[in-house]
Amino acid sequence: MSLGGPSFWLDTTPETDYPPLTDGVSVDVAVVGAGITGITAAVLLKRAGKTVALLDSKRIVHGASGYTTAKVTSGHGASYAKIRKAFGEDGARTYAEANEAALARIAQFVEEDGIECDFERRPNYVYAESEQEVAQLRQEAEVERKAGLAVSLVDETPLPFSVQAALRLENQAQFHPRRYLLALAAAIPGDGSHVFEHSRVHGIKHGEPCEVTTDVGVLRAADVVLATHLPILDRGLFFTKAYPHRSYAVAAPIGRAPDPQGMYINSGTPTRSIRTLRDGDRVFVQVGGNGHKTGEEEDTSARYDQLEAFLRRHWPAAGEIRYRWSTQDYMAHDRVPYVGRLRRGSEHILAATGYSKWGMTNGTAAAMIIADRILGRRNPSADLYDSKRLLRRSALGSFVKENAAAGFHFVGDRLGRVDRAAVGDLKPGEGGLIRIRGRRTAVYRDEQGALHGLSPVCQHLYCLVDWNPAERTWDCPCHGSRYDGTGRAIQGPTTKDLKRRQL
């Protein structure tokens, strides 16, 4: 069985050691969630003269931003035709401009702050493997050109295999996201601003000031930013506007093979995302993809095996697979993120979600929109990204399908089969749903052999979790909450651990 582990980004950077929140702290802005959106927003606001407090339930940059593929590009697969269908040509142009502005903002931080994060300008390619996909790319090229992007349709790429055609976007970038974000975060503490780790937020009370309640104290702030991937408060019903999607990545030393000199993603399925990684003189090739709806795949380890086979086939001289990791993204039904007020009437609580797998630029664009709103400045992308916008007709099918699936899991999983016959079937590091004294129970046997009994009811909206063998986690198929084997919440929207049960 192939198991996931720490990402390349986590393994090649030092661990942080910021303190937990101290009760009674007051700031201008509280930012909940220390990934690319939270850290970028906090830095922009502090540099504009605000005092900020950045909080994370774990260590900073340990969530999606620590497990990304880290492509800094406005080329988002073949998304622009879908965005134009939903928002028109003006919407597609605004989306392109927002992401280009985010790329420029990242490049400016890197240059002005002297951040050593392997920032490299690279072209971004979307490649086709069939004639049908070539026709799709021709349409995409037309839409992207009208949106102002410098794209061209080419017949060849530097990849070690042939393609039917590829959409090439110039002057994009790749980088090491943790080196970049840790450097930005290090500039936040001081002059009334703070970074707090191991400070899980349980609730926010809107007011003047707002009160942010954590497990270690209360923080007061005039404005609050929820940058938690999916908002941990349900007031804006964002879990109905975006759905969770997991994907996988593997990386190996590239060996004697030439550097492919670009970033790549195919236009078909299963997804294959390709780029290089650098750690000093070592160069790795990374292959990602094989995505699926969170909680709806039993053999998750096979996803790694398939990516490894693809890497071996096309880079036979590559060394041993050194890294395997997975990540989770929230997909907006219309492919444009939701950024702005948590809900009507909550003027001082802002949120961002739904980056649809393109979080490096979309997450930065979201931070820029939020910072401008708090500072009273107009942002040209704010209306397109508006968190309270109405769902477009072209996205209704996705909306109905995904929310119906959540409803099916809520009911159907309670009637379905159990995974294992007995607790004795579990080996160290394994989990499963087992009927014990008439009750379905989530049981995990840790590496020391100790058993942990848990209620399988997700603490977000009470769907049943399922065991993910490759990640050794309990995953909720409804809205993407995740827990480690012992039931500790490791990914929202939940803010609570699974309830313990006697075995």
Protein backbone atom coordinates (compact mmCIF):
# COMPACT_ATOMS: atom_id res chain seq x y z
CA MET A 1 0.00 0.00 0.00
CA SER A 2 1.30 3.47 -0.93
CA LEU A 3 0.90 5.91 1.94
CA GLY A 4 0.91 9.69 1.85
CA GLY A 5 3.18 11.76 4.03
CA PRO A 6 4.55 15.27 4.46
CA SER A 7 4.81 17.28 1.27
CA PHE A 8 8.10 18.29 -0.31
CA TRP A 9 7.43 21.83 0.92
CA LEU A 10 7.08 20.75 4.56
CA ASP A 11 10.05 18.41 4.44
CA THR A 12 12.43 21.07 3.09
CA THR A 13 11.58 23.89 5.51
CA PRO A 14 12.01 24.31 9.27
CA GLU A 15 9.08 24.00 11.65
CA THR A 16 7.65 27.18 13.16
CA ASP A 17 7.21 27.92 16.86
CA TYR A 18 4.80 30.80 17.33
CA PRO A 19 2.96 30.95 20.70
CA PRO A 20 -0.74 30.27 21.32
CA LEU A 21 -3.12 33.20 21.73
CA THR A 22 -2.97 35.08 25.02
CA ASP A 23 -6.43 35.93 26.36
CA GLY A 24 -7.41 39.59 26.13
CA VAL A 25 -5.50 40.63 23.00
CA SER A 26 -7.13 43.35 20.88
CA VAL A 27 -6.19 44.29 17.30
CA ASP A 28 -7.67 46.04 14.29
CA VAL A 29 -8.01 42.83 12.26
CA ALA A 30 -8.06 39.15 13.26
CA VAL A 31 -7.14 36.74 10.46
CA VAL A 32 -8.18 33.13 11.03
CA GLY A 33 -6.22 30.64 8.93
CA ALA A 34 -2.52 30.94 8.07
CA GLY A 35 -2.27 29.84 4.46
CA ILE A 36 -1.65 31.99 1.41
CA THR A 37 -4.83 34.06 1.79
CA GLY A 38 -4.51 34.67 5.52
CA ILE A 39 -0.80 35.48 5.53
CA THR A 40 -1.02 37.71 2.45
CA ALA A 41 -4.01 39.62 3.84
CA ALA A 42 -2.31 40.06 7.22
CA VAL A 43 0.87 41.41 5.61
CA LEU A 44 -1.00 43.80 3.31
CA LEU A 45 -3.07 45.12 6.20
CA LYS A 46 -0.10 45.55 8.55
CA ARG A 47 1.86 47.41 5.89
CA ALA A 48 -1.14 49.70 5.44
CA GLY A 49 -0.98 50.61 9.15
CA LYS A 50 -3.40 48.12 10.75
CA THR A 51 -2.60 45.94 13.75
CA VAL A 52 -3.31 42.30 12.95
CA ALA A 53 -3.43 38.93 14.70
CA LEU A 54 -2.96 35.84 12.53
CA LEU A 55 -4.29 32.63 14.11
CA ASP A 56 -4.02 28.99 13.10
CA SER A 57 -5.40 25.87 14.75
CA LYS A 58 -2.13 24.02 14.02
CA ARG A 59 1.19 25.39 12.76
CA ILE A 60 1.13 28.00 10.01
CA VAL A 61 1.26 26.88 6.35
CA HIS A 62 0.33 23.32 7.30
CA GLY A 63 -2.97 23.24 5.42
CA ALA A 64 -3.69 23.42 1.69
CA SER A 65 -0.90 25.96 1.11
CA GLY A 66 1.60 23.46 2.48
CA TYR A 67 0.41 20.72 0.15
CA THR A 68 -0.14 22.63 -3.09
CA THR A 69 1.56 22.10 -6.45
CA ALA A 70 2.55 25.79 -6.15
CA LYS A 71 2.00 26.94 -9.72
CA VAL A 72 1.77 30.73 -9.81
CA THR A 73 -0.22 31.13 -12.98
CA SER A 74 -3.30 32.67 -14.54
CA GLY A 75 -3.56 29.60 -16.78
CA HIS A 76 -6.14 27.53 -14.94
CA GLY A 77 -6.52 24.47 -17.12
CA ALA A 78 -9.35 25.02 -19.57
CA SER A 79 -11.46 27.13 -17.18
CA TYR A 80 -11.89 30.38 -19.09
CA ALA A 81 -14.53 29.09 -21.50
CA LYS A 82 -16.61 27.99 -18.49
CA ILE A 83 -16.08 31.36 -16.78
CA ARG A 84 -17.11 33.25 -19.93
CA LYS A 85 -20.25 31.12 -20.18
CA ALA A 86 -21.17 32.07 -16.62
CA PHE A 87 -19.99 35.69 -16.48
CA GLY A 88 -19.51 36.84 -20.08
CA GLU A 89 -16.39 38.22 -21.72
CA ASP A 90 -16.07 41.02 -19.15
CA GLY A 91 -16.11 38.43 -16.36
CA ALA A 92 -13.42 36.31 -18.02
CA ARG A 93 -11.27 39.42 -18.54
CA THR A 94 -11.69 40.50 -14.92
CA TYR A 95 -10.77 37.00 -13.73
CA ALA A 96 -7.61 37.03 -15.86
CA GLU A 97 -6.67 40.51 -14.62
CA ALA A 98 -7.20 39.49 -10.98
CA ASN A 99 -4.89 36.50 -11.33
CA GLU A 100 -2.25 38.43 -13.28
CA ALA A 101 -2.34 41.09 -10.55
CA ALA A 102 -1.87 38.35 -7.94
CA LEU A 103 1.13 36.95 -9.83
CA ALA A 104 2.62 40.45 -9.97
CA ARG A 105 1.96 40.92 -6.24
CA ILE A 106 3.81 37.70 -5.41
CA ALA A 107 6.73 38.65 -7.68
CA GLN A 108 6.89 42.07 -6.04
CA PHE A 109 7.01 40.59 -2.53
CA VAL A 110 9.77 38.20 -3.61
CA GLU A 111 11.85 41.00 -5.15
CA GLU A 112 11.30 43.75 -2.58
CA ASP A 113 11.67 41.50 0.48
CA GLY A 114 14.50 39.43 -1.01
CA ILE A 115 12.63 36.18 -0.35
CA GLU A 116 14.59 33.07 -1.32
CA CYS A 117 11.84 30.75 -2.45
CA ASP A 118 13.04 29.36 -5.82
CA PHE A 119 10.78 31.78 -7.68
CA GLU A 120 11.25 30.99 -11.38
CA ARG A 121 9.52 32.40 -14.43
CA ARG A 122 8.16 29.52 -16.51
CA PRO A 123 5.60 29.13 -19.30
CA ASN A 124 2.41 27.31 -18.36
CA TYR A 125 1.06 24.64 -20.71
CA VAL A 126 -2.34 22.97 -21.00
CA TYR A 127 -1.86 20.00 -23.30
CA ALA A 128 -4.31 17.91 -25.32
CA GLU A 129 -4.03 14.19 -25.96
CA SER A 130 -6.90 13.77 -28.45
CA GLU A 131 -8.40 15.65 -31.39
CA GLN A 132 -11.52 16.39 -29.35
CA GLU A 133 -9.37 18.05 -26.68
CA VAL A 134 -7.54 20.05 -29.38
CA ALA A 135 -10.87 21.58 -30.44
CA GLN A 136 -11.51 22.48 -26.80
CA LEU A 137 -8.10 24.16 -26.55
CA ARG A 138 -8.72 26.19 -29.71
CA GLN A 139 -11.85 27.61 -28.11
CA GLU A 140 -10.00 28.18 -24.84
CA ALA A 141 -7.20 30.02 -26.66
CA GLU A 142 -9.71 32.40 -28.24
CA VAL A 143 -11.36 33.11 -24.88
CA GLU A 144 -8.04 33.67 -23.09
CA ARG A 145 -6.72 36.00 -25.80
CA LYS A 146 -9.86 38.13 -25.53
CA ALA A 147 -9.34 38.11 -21.76
CA GLY A 148 -5.90 39.67 -22.31
CA LEU A 149 -3.64 36.66 -21.71
CA ALA A 150 -0.54 36.07 -23.87
CA VAL A 151 -1.46 32.58 -25.05
CA SER A 152 -0.55 30.63 -28.16
CA LEU A 153 -1.50 27.20 -29.48
CA VAL A 154 1.61 25.09 -30.13
CA ASP A 155 2.21 21.62 -31.54
CA GLU A 156 5.22 20.64 -29.43
CA THR A 157 6.36 21.01 -25.81
CA PRO A 158 9.59 20.15 -23.94
CA LEU A 159 7.80 17.16 -22.34
CA PRO A 160 9.40 13.73 -22.96
CA PHE A 161 6.26 12.55 -24.77
CA SER A 162 4.28 13.87 -27.71
CA VAL A 163 1.01 15.79 -27.41
CA GLN A 164 -1.66 16.66 -29.96
CA ALA A 165 -1.42 20.38 -29.11
CA ALA A 166 -0.85 22.64 -26.11
CA LEU A 167 -1.97 26.05 -24.95
CA ARG A 168 1.15 27.98 -23.88
CA LEU A 169 0.87 30.98 -21.54
CA GLU A 170 4.01 33.09 -21.24
CA ASN A 171 5.74 34.64 -18.22
CA GLN A 172 4.13 32.61 -15.45
CA ALA A 173 6.00 31.28 -12.39
CA GLN A 174 6.60 28.49 -9.91
CA PHE A 175 8.05 28.73 -6.40
CA HIS A 176 8.48 27.11 -2.98
CA PRO A 177 5.27 28.19 -1.20
CA ARG A 178 6.39 27.55 2.39
CA ARG A 179 9.65 29.45 2.02
CA TYR A 180 7.68 32.33 0.53
CA LEU A 181 4.91 32.33 3.14
CA LEU A 182 7.15 31.73 6.17
CA ALA A 183 9.21 34.76 5.13
CA LEU A 184 6.08 36.91 4.83
CA ALA A 185 4.70 35.68 8.17
CA ALA A 186 7.98 36.44 9.97
CA ALA A 187 7.41 40.14 9.27
CA ILE A 188 4.00 40.24 10.99
CA PRO A 189 4.84 40.15 14.75
CA GLY A 190 5.67 43.46 16.40
CA ASP A 191 4.17 46.94 16.70
CA GLY A 192 0.94 45.54 18.08
CA SER A 193 0.63 42.65 15.60
CA HIS A 194 0.93 38.92 16.32
CA VAL A 195 1.10 35.38 14.92
CA PHE A 196 -0.55 32.72 17.09
CA GLU A 197 -0.38 28.95 16.54
CA HIS A 198 -2.30 26.10 18.19
CA SER A 199 -5.24 28.45 18.70
CA ARG A 200 -8.37 26.78 17.34
CA VAL A 201 -11.26 29.16 16.73
CA HIS A 202 -14.67 27.89 17.88
CA GLY A 203 -16.86 30.91 17.27
CA ILE A 204 -17.02 34.55 16.22
CA LYS A 205 -19.46 37.10 17.61
CA HIS A 206 -20.18 39.98 15.28
CA GLY A 207 -20.08 43.38 16.96
CA GLU A 208 -18.02 46.48 17.63
CA PRO A 209 -15.56 44.96 18.25
CA CYS A 210 -16.01 41.38 17.07
CA GLU A 211 -15.08 38.64 19.54
CA VAL A 212 -13.13 35.61 18.33
CA THR A 213 -13.46 32.69 20.78
CA THR A 214 -10.69 30.08 20.78
CA ASP A 215 -9.78 27.14 22.97
CA VAL A 216 -7.11 29.29 24.66
CA GLY A 217 -8.81 32.67 25.03
CA VAL A 218 -10.80 35.46 23.41
CA LEU A 219 -9.44 37.89 20.82
CA ARG A 220 -11.16 41.19 20.00
CA ALA A 221 -10.92 42.89 16.61
CA ALA A 222 -12.78 45.49 14.58
CA ASP A 223 -12.73 43.16 11.54
CA VAL A 224 -12.31 39.40 11.17
CA VAL A 225 -11.10 37.50 8.10
CA LEU A 226 -11.95 33.81 7.73
CA ALA A 227 -9.21 32.34 5.54
CA THR A 228 -9.82 28.72 6.56
CA HIS A 229 -10.16 27.13 3.09
CA LEU A 230 -13.90 26.71 3.70
CA PRO A 231 -15.34 29.12 6.29
CA ILE A 232 -15.58 27.43 9.68
CA LEU A 233 -18.85 29.29 10.34
CA ASP A 234 -21.94 28.03 8.49
CA ARG A 235 -23.73 31.39 8.35
CA GLY A 236 -22.95 32.02 4.69
CA LEU A 237 -23.84 28.45 3.55
CA PHE A 238 -20.55 28.28 1.66
CA PHE A 239 -20.59 24.48 1.96
CA THR A 240 -23.44 24.55 -0.59
CA LYS A 241 -21.51 26.85 -2.97
CA ALA A 242 -18.29 24.81 -3.16
CA TYR A 243 -17.56 21.11 -2.84
CA PRO A 244 -14.41 19.29 -1.59
CA HIS A 245 -12.06 17.51 -3.97
CA ARG A 246 -8.91 15.55 -3.09
CA SER A 247 -5.91 15.05 -5.37
CA TYR A 248 -2.50 13.42 -5.07
CA ALA A 249 1.15 14.10 -5.90
CA VAL A 250 4.40 12.17 -6.10
CA ALA A 251 7.95 13.44 -6.64
CA ALA A 252 11.29 11.83 -7.48
CA PRO A 253 14.79 13.11 -8.35
CA ILE A 254 14.81 13.78 -12.07
CA GLY A 255 18.13 12.03 -12.66
CA ARG A 256 19.77 12.57 -16.05
CA ALA A 257 16.54 13.55 -17.80
CA PRO A 258 16.31 17.15 -19.05
CA ASP A 259 14.25 19.69 -17.12
CA PRO A 260 10.88 20.04 -18.93
CA GLN A 261 11.25 23.84 -18.65
CA GLY A 262 7.66 24.62 -17.85
CA MET A 263 4.53 23.81 -15.86
CA TYR A 264 1.99 21.44 -17.37
CA ILE A 265 -1.51 20.11 -16.94
CA ASN A 266 -3.58 18.03 -19.36
CA SER A 267 -7.01 19.13 -20.54
CA GLY A 268 -8.57 15.67 -20.15
CA THR A 269 -8.98 13.17 -17.32
CA PRO A 270 -7.48 11.70 -15.23
CA THR A 271 -5.57 14.88 -14.45
CA ARG A 272 -1.79 14.91 -14.83
CA SER A 273 -0.11 18.02 -13.43
CA ILE A 274 3.67 18.30 -13.94
CA ARG A 275 6.40 20.64 -12.71
CA THR A 276 9.92 20.52 -11.26
CA LEU A 277 10.93 21.15 -7.64
CA ARG A 278 14.26 22.46 -6.42
CA ASP A 279 16.10 21.84 -3.17
CA GLY A 280 19.57 23.30 -3.56
CA ASP A 281 21.27 21.37 -6.36
CA ARG A 282 18.64 18.64 -6.30
CA VAL A 283 15.91 18.78 -8.95
CA PHE A 284 12.75 16.68 -8.66
CA VAL A 285 9.94 16.04 -11.08
CA GLN A 286 6.49 16.17 -9.54
CA VAL A 287 3.38 14.55 -11.00
CA GLY A 288 -0.01 15.31 -9.49
CA GLY A 289 -3.67 14.62 -10.18
CA ASN A 290 -6.00 11.60 -9.90
CA GLY A 291 -8.57 13.70 -8.07
CA HIS A 292 -11.88 12.52 -6.62
CA LYS A 293 -14.64 13.80 -4.37
CA THR A 294 -13.49 13.68 -0.75
CA GLY A 295 -14.65 10.56 1.10
CA GLU A 296 -15.84 8.76 -2.04
CA GLU A 297 -12.81 6.60 -2.87
CA GLU A 298 -12.03 3.37 -1.06
CA ASP A 299 -8.66 2.51 -2.64
CA THR A 300 -6.88 5.84 -2.19
CA SER A 301 -3.45 4.19 -2.21
CA ALA A 302 -3.98 3.17 -5.86
CA ARG A 303 -4.06 6.87 -6.74
CA TYR A 304 -0.40 7.16 -5.77
CA ASP A 305 0.48 3.96 -7.64
CA GLN A 306 -1.02 5.32 -10.87
CA LEU A 307 0.90 8.59 -10.61
CA GLU A 308 4.12 6.71 -9.91
CA ALA A 309 3.56 4.55 -12.98
CA PHE A 310 3.08 7.68 -15.13
CA LEU A 311 6.28 9.23 -13.76
CA ARG A 312 8.28 6.04 -14.32
CA ARG A 313 6.98 5.64 -17.87
CA HIS A 314 8.00 9.13 -18.97
CA TRP A 315 11.05 9.70 -16.74
CA PRO A 316 12.62 6.21 -16.57
CA ALA A 317 15.93 7.62 -15.31
CA ALA A 318 14.27 9.27 -12.30
CA GLY A 319 15.32 8.06 -8.87
CA GLU A 320 13.23 6.50 -6.14
CA ILE A 321 9.93 8.18 -5.30
CA ARG A 322 10.83 10.37 -2.33
CA TYR A 323 7.55 12.18 -1.67
CA ARG A 324 3.88 11.26 -1.73
CA TRP A 325 1.22 13.63 -0.49
CA SER A 326 -2.39 14.60 -1.04
CA THR A 327 -4.29 17.83 -0.79
CA GLN A 328 -7.85 19.08 -0.70
CA ASP A 329 -9.42 21.90 -2.68
CA TYR A 330 -12.88 23.43 -2.72
CA MET A 331 -14.40 23.73 -6.17
CA ALA A 332 -16.72 26.66 -6.86
CA HIS A 333 -19.62 25.57 -9.05
CA ASP A 334 -18.98 28.45 -11.49
CA ARG A 335 -15.15 28.28 -11.10
CA VAL A 336 -14.82 31.77 -9.55
CA PRO A 337 -13.94 32.08 -5.84
CA TYR A 338 -16.30 33.57 -3.27
CA VAL A 339 -14.72 36.53 -1.49
CA GLY A 340 -16.38 39.14 0.74
CA ARG A 341 -18.89 39.28 3.57
CA LEU A 342 -19.64 36.06 5.43
CA ARG A 343 -23.32 36.94 5.16
CA ARG A 344 -25.54 39.98 4.81
CA GLY A 345 -25.49 41.94 8.04
CA SER A 346 -21.97 40.77 8.94
CA GLU A 347 -20.09 43.73 7.53
CA HIS A 348 -17.04 43.10 9.70
CA ILE A 349 -16.64 39.34 9.08
CA LEU A 350 -15.12 38.52 5.70
CA ALA A 351 -14.41 35.15 4.09
CA ALA A 352 -12.83 33.57 1.02
CA THR A 353 -13.22 30.09 -0.48
CA GLY A 354 -13.64 28.10 -3.70
CA TYR A 355 -10.26 28.50 -5.41
CA SER A 356 -10.94 25.44 -7.60
CA LYS A 357 -7.35 24.10 -7.37
CA TRP A 358 -5.68 27.41 -8.30
CA GLY A 359 -5.02 28.80 -4.84
CA MET A 360 -1.67 30.49 -5.31
CA THR A 361 -3.03 33.27 -7.52
CA ASN A 362 -6.70 33.08 -6.53
CA GLY A 363 -5.77 33.02 -2.84
CA THR A 364 -3.54 36.06 -3.30
CA ALA A 365 -6.24 37.85 -5.31
CA ALA A 366 -8.71 37.09 -2.49
CA ALA A 367 -6.33 38.58 0.08
CA MET A 368 -5.97 41.73 -2.03
CA ILE A 369 -9.77 42.09 -2.33
CA ILE A 370 -10.26 41.60 1.42
CA ALA A 371 -7.48 44.01 2.37
CA ASP A 372 -8.88 46.67 0.03
CA ARG A 373 -12.36 46.25 1.50
CA ILE A 374 -11.13 46.68 5.07
CA LEU A 375 -9.04 49.69 4.03
CA GLY A 376 -11.99 51.28 2.23
CA ARG A 377 -10.44 50.99 -1.23
CA ARG A 378 -12.14 49.86 -4.42
CA ASN A 379 -10.83 46.61 -5.90
CA PRO A 380 -11.68 46.03 -9.58
CA SER A 381 -12.21 42.28 -9.02
CA ALA A 382 -14.49 42.56 -5.97
CA ASP A 383 -17.79 42.42 -7.85
CA LEU A 384 -16.86 39.33 -9.85
CA TYR A 385 -15.60 37.48 -6.75
CA ASP A 386 -18.47 38.73 -4.55
CA SER A 387 -19.31 36.17 -1.88
CA LYS A 388 -23.04 37.02 -2.03
CA ARG A 389 -23.45 36.83 -5.81
CA LEU A 390 -26.28 34.78 -7.25
CA LEU A 391 -25.48 31.41 -8.74
CA ARG A 392 -25.24 31.55 -12.54
CA ARG A 393 -27.55 29.38 -14.63
CA SER A 394 -24.63 27.50 -16.20
CA ALA A 395 -23.55 26.32 -12.71
CA LEU A 396 -26.96 25.03 -11.59
CA GLY A 397 -26.25 21.47 -12.73
CA SER A 398 -23.10 21.23 -10.61
CA PHE A 399 -24.88 22.86 -7.66
CA VAL A 400 -27.78 20.39 -7.74
CA LYS A 401 -25.55 17.36 -8.31
CA GLU A 402 -23.09 18.05 -5.49
CA ASN A 403 -25.67 19.08 -2.90
CA ALA A 404 -27.86 16.10 -3.79
CA ALA A 405 -24.78 13.89 -3.28
CA ALA A 406 -24.31 15.36 0.20
CA GLY A 407 -27.93 14.59 1.00
CA PHE A 408 -27.53 11.05 -0.31
CA HIS A 409 -24.50 10.47 1.92
CA PHE A 410 -26.36 11.83 4.96
CA VAL A 411 -29.11 9.23 4.50
CA GLY A 412 -27.55 6.45 2.43
CA ASP A 413 -24.36 6.00 4.45
CA ARG A 414 -26.46 5.25 7.53
CA LEU A 415 -28.13 2.40 5.68
CA GLY A 416 -25.04 1.05 3.90
CA ARG A 417 -22.75 -1.80 4.83
CA VAL A 418 -20.05 -1.72 7.50
CA ASP A 419 -16.45 -2.00 6.34
CA ARG A 420 -15.13 -4.71 8.65
CA ALA A 421 -16.51 -7.65 10.55
CA ALA A 422 -14.50 -7.32 13.76
CA VAL A 423 -12.07 -5.13 15.66
CA GLY A 424 -9.55 -7.97 15.45
CA ASP A 425 -9.29 -7.44 11.68
CA LEU A 426 -7.59 -4.07 12.19
CA LYS A 427 -3.81 -3.97 11.90
CA PRO A 428 -1.68 -1.15 13.39
CA GLY A 429 -2.32 2.06 11.43
CA GLU A 430 -5.70 0.87 10.13
CA GLY A 431 -9.25 2.05 10.75
CA GLY A 432 -12.73 1.01 9.80
CA LEU A 433 -16.42 1.30 10.58
CA ILE A 434 -17.53 -1.61 12.78
CA ARG A 435 -20.88 -2.46 14.36
CA ILE A 436 -20.30 -2.67 18.14
CA ARG A 437 -23.22 -3.37 20.50
CA GLY A 438 -25.58 -2.39 17.72
CA ARG A 439 -23.93 0.96 17.01
CA ARG A 440 -21.77 1.81 14.02
CA THR A 441 -18.40 2.87 15.45
CA ALA A 442 -15.27 4.31 13.86
CA VAL A 443 -12.37 2.25 15.23
CA TYR A 444 -8.67 2.99 14.75
CA ARG A 445 -5.72 0.89 15.89
CA ASP A 446 -2.65 3.11 16.31
CA GLU A 447 0.94 2.07 15.60
CA GLN A 448 1.40 0.99 19.23
CA GLY A 449 -1.63 -1.30 18.95
CA ALA A 450 -3.97 0.79 21.12
CA LEU A 451 -7.58 1.00 19.95
CA HIS A 452 -9.54 4.24 19.62
CA GLY A 453 -13.33 4.14 19.45
CA LEU A 454 -15.13 7.13 17.93
CA SER A 455 -18.54 8.22 16.82
CA PRO A 456 -18.48 8.28 13.00
CA VAL A 457 -20.74 11.35 12.94
CA CYS A 458 -18.93 14.38 11.50
CA GLN A 459 -19.18 17.33 13.86
CA HIS A 460 -19.94 19.79 11.06
CA LEU A 461 -23.39 18.78 9.75
CA TYR A 462 -23.55 15.17 10.95
CA CYS A 463 -22.80 13.09 7.87
CA LEU A 464 -20.84 9.87 8.48
CA VAL A 465 -17.08 9.87 7.99
CA ASP A 466 -15.23 7.12 6.13
CA TRP A 467 -11.71 5.74 6.50
CA ASN A 468 -9.03 6.95 4.05
CA PRO A 469 -6.34 4.23 4.11
CA ALA A 470 -3.64 6.15 2.19
CA GLU A 471 -3.79 9.18 4.50
CA ARG A 472 -4.93 7.31 7.63
CA THR A 473 -7.69 9.83 8.23
CA TRP A 474 -11.44 9.91 8.71
CA ASP A 475 -12.91 11.93 5.82
CA CYS A 476 -16.42 13.38 5.51
CA PRO A 477 -17.89 12.95 2.00
CA CYS A 478 -20.43 15.74 2.46
CA HIS A 479 -18.35 18.88 3.06
CA GLY A 480 -14.75 17.70 3.39
CA SER A 481 -14.05 17.82 7.13
CA ARG A 482 -11.18 15.52 8.04
CA TYR A 483 -9.94 13.94 11.29
CA ASP A 484 -6.83 11.96 12.18
CA GLY A 485 -7.12 8.35 13.29
CA THR A 486 -7.73 9.32 16.92
CA GLY A 487 -10.55 11.68 15.94
CA ARG A 488 -8.74 15.03 16.20
CA ALA A 489 -10.05 17.56 13.67
CA ILE A 490 -7.32 18.38 11.14
CA GLN A 491 -9.31 20.12 8.39
CA GLY A 492 -12.50 22.19 8.47
CA PRO A 493 -15.21 23.24 8.12
CA THR A 494 -15.53 21.35 11.44
CA THR A 495 -14.05 22.97 14.53
CA LYS A 496 -14.71 19.98 16.83
CA ASP A 497 -13.12 16.56 17.24
CA LEU A 498 -15.06 13.32 16.74
CA LYS A 499 -16.74 12.17 19.94
CA ARG A 500 -15.06 9.29 21.72
CA ARG A 501 -16.80 5.99 22.42
CA GLN A 502 -16.08 3.10 24.75
CA LEU A 503 -15.20 -0.12 22.95
